[in-house]
Protein backbone atom coordinates (compact mmCIF):
# COMPACT_ATOMS: atom_id res chain seq x y z
CA HIS A 1 -0.18 -0.17 0.07
CA THR A 2 0.92 3.74 -0.69
CA ASP A 3 0.21 6.54 1.68
CA THR A 4 -2.76 6.90 -0.11
CA ASP A 5 -4.34 3.95 -0.30
CA THR A 6 -7.06 2.45 2.10
CA HIS A 7 -8.55 -0.59 1.94
CA THR A 8 -11.65 -1.60 4.32
CA GLU A 9 -13.76 -4.83 4.55
CA THR A 10 -17.29 -4.67 4.66
CA ASP A 11 -19.27 -7.41 6.33
CA THR A 12 -22.39 -8.37 3.39
CA GLU A 13 -24.68 -9.18 6.01
CA THR A 14 -24.46 -5.96 8.51
CA GLY A 15 -22.74 -4.01 6.47
CA ALA A 16 -20.33 -3.21 9.11
CA GLN A 17 -16.75 -2.28 8.65
CA GLN A 18 -14.44 -5.29 9.80
CA ILE A 19 -10.73 -4.52 8.71
CA GLU A 20 -9.13 -1.37 7.53
CA VAL A 21 -5.57 -1.35 6.45
CA ASN A 22 -3.80 2.04 6.65
CA THR A 23 -0.51 3.46 6.62
CA VAL A 24 0.40 5.15 10.34
CA ASP A 25 -0.20 8.38 8.67
CA LYS A 26 -3.50 7.93 7.96
CA TYR A 27 -4.49 7.21 11.50
CA GLN A 28 -3.64 10.64 12.94
CA GLY A 29 -6.58 11.67 14.83
CA ARG A 30 -8.25 8.47 14.48
CA ASP A 31 -9.21 5.65 17.07
CA LYS A 32 -9.99 2.09 16.30
CA LEU A 33 -11.05 -0.67 18.55
CA ILE A 34 -8.31 -2.93 17.91
CA VAL A 35 -4.87 -2.06 16.07
CA LEU A 36 -2.63 -4.13 14.56
CA VAL A 37 0.90 -2.75 13.51
CA SER A 38 3.72 -4.28 11.76
CA LEU A 39 6.97 -3.52 12.49
CA VAL A 40 8.60 -5.93 10.41
CA ARG A 41 11.31 -4.87 7.72
CA SER A 42 13.89 -6.33 5.67
CA LYS A 43 17.36 -6.43 6.91
CA SER A 44 18.61 -5.51 3.64
CA PRO A 45 21.70 -2.83 3.69
CA ALA A 46 19.46 -0.11 1.94
CA ASN A 47 16.60 -0.64 4.39
CA LYS A 48 18.25 -0.24 7.76
CA THR A 49 15.62 1.61 9.39
CA GLY A 50 12.25 1.94 8.34
CA GLU A 51 10.41 5.61 7.96
CA LEU A 52 8.26 4.85 11.25
CA LEU A 53 11.18 4.14 13.38
CA LYS A 54 13.07 7.37 12.50
CA ASP A 55 10.26 9.27 13.72
CA VAL A 56 9.22 9.40 17.09
CA ARG A 57 5.78 11.12 16.23
CA ARG A 58 4.93 8.72 13.90
CA ILE A 59 5.84 5.66 16.95
CA ASN A 60 3.33 7.81 19.11
CA VAL A 61 0.53 7.97 16.46
CA ALA A 62 0.85 3.88 15.80
CA ILE A 63 0.70 3.06 19.55
CA THR A 64 -1.77 5.50 20.82
CA ARG A 65 -4.59 4.39 18.24
CA ALA A 66 -6.12 1.39 19.68
CA LYS A 67 -9.02 2.15 22.19
CA ALA A 68 -9.02 -1.82 23.26
CA LYS A 69 -6.46 -3.82 22.30
CA LEU A 70 -2.73 -2.50 20.17
CA VAL A 71 -0.86 -5.90 18.99
CA LEU A 72 2.87 -5.04 17.85
CA ILE A 73 4.61 -7.29 15.33
CA GLY A 74 8.38 -7.03 15.14
CA ASP A 75 11.52 -8.65 15.92
CA ARG A 76 12.00 -8.10 19.77
CA ASP A 77 16.03 -8.36 19.35
CA THR A 78 16.24 -5.68 15.92
CA LEU A 79 13.44 -3.27 17.55
CA SER A 80 15.13 -2.82 21.04
CA VAL A 81 18.01 -1.02 19.62
CA TYR A 82 15.64 1.88 18.83
CA LYS A 83 15.52 3.94 22.06
CA PRO A 84 11.56 4.67 22.02
CA VAL A 85 10.53 1.00 20.81
CA SER A 86 13.23 -0.53 23.66
CA THR A 87 11.19 1.40 26.13
CA ILE A 88 7.92 -0.23 25.12
CA ILE A 89 9.34 -3.61 24.62
CA HIS A 90 10.70 -3.29 28.28
CA TYR A 91 7.21 -2.33 29.42
CA ILE A 92 5.35 -5.42 27.50
CA ASN A 93 7.95 -7.63 28.85
CA SER A 94 7.79 -6.27 32.82
CA ASN A 95 3.79 -6.95 32.45
CA ASN A 96 4.56 -10.16 31.16
CA LEU A 97 2.29 -9.10 27.85
CA MET A 98 5.10 -10.65 25.41
CA VAL A 99 3.94 -13.29 22.87
CA ASP A 100 6.63 -15.21 21.37
CA VAL A 101 5.82 -16.68 17.94
CA GLU A 102 8.77 -18.89 15.99
């Protein structure tokens, strides 16, 4: 998806919106019941740090849009080198909220 793409799934029986896929920037000022944030990146030299991790304000938007549940997906070791994310990871670990998936 690009910054201008939005994809929303609608329940055919109820007409209710089920899933919305978008970039972090599109959620500025908007909250959702459940937010899933993918922090998964390629480790190729050209992509050392993604744009999201370079800007603390964007990380703030990504993690504060959830009303009830926030799900972060990423590699703990890789993300721990970025100070704002390492603080979040420390909090998650300290409160036994981390789920490891192999």
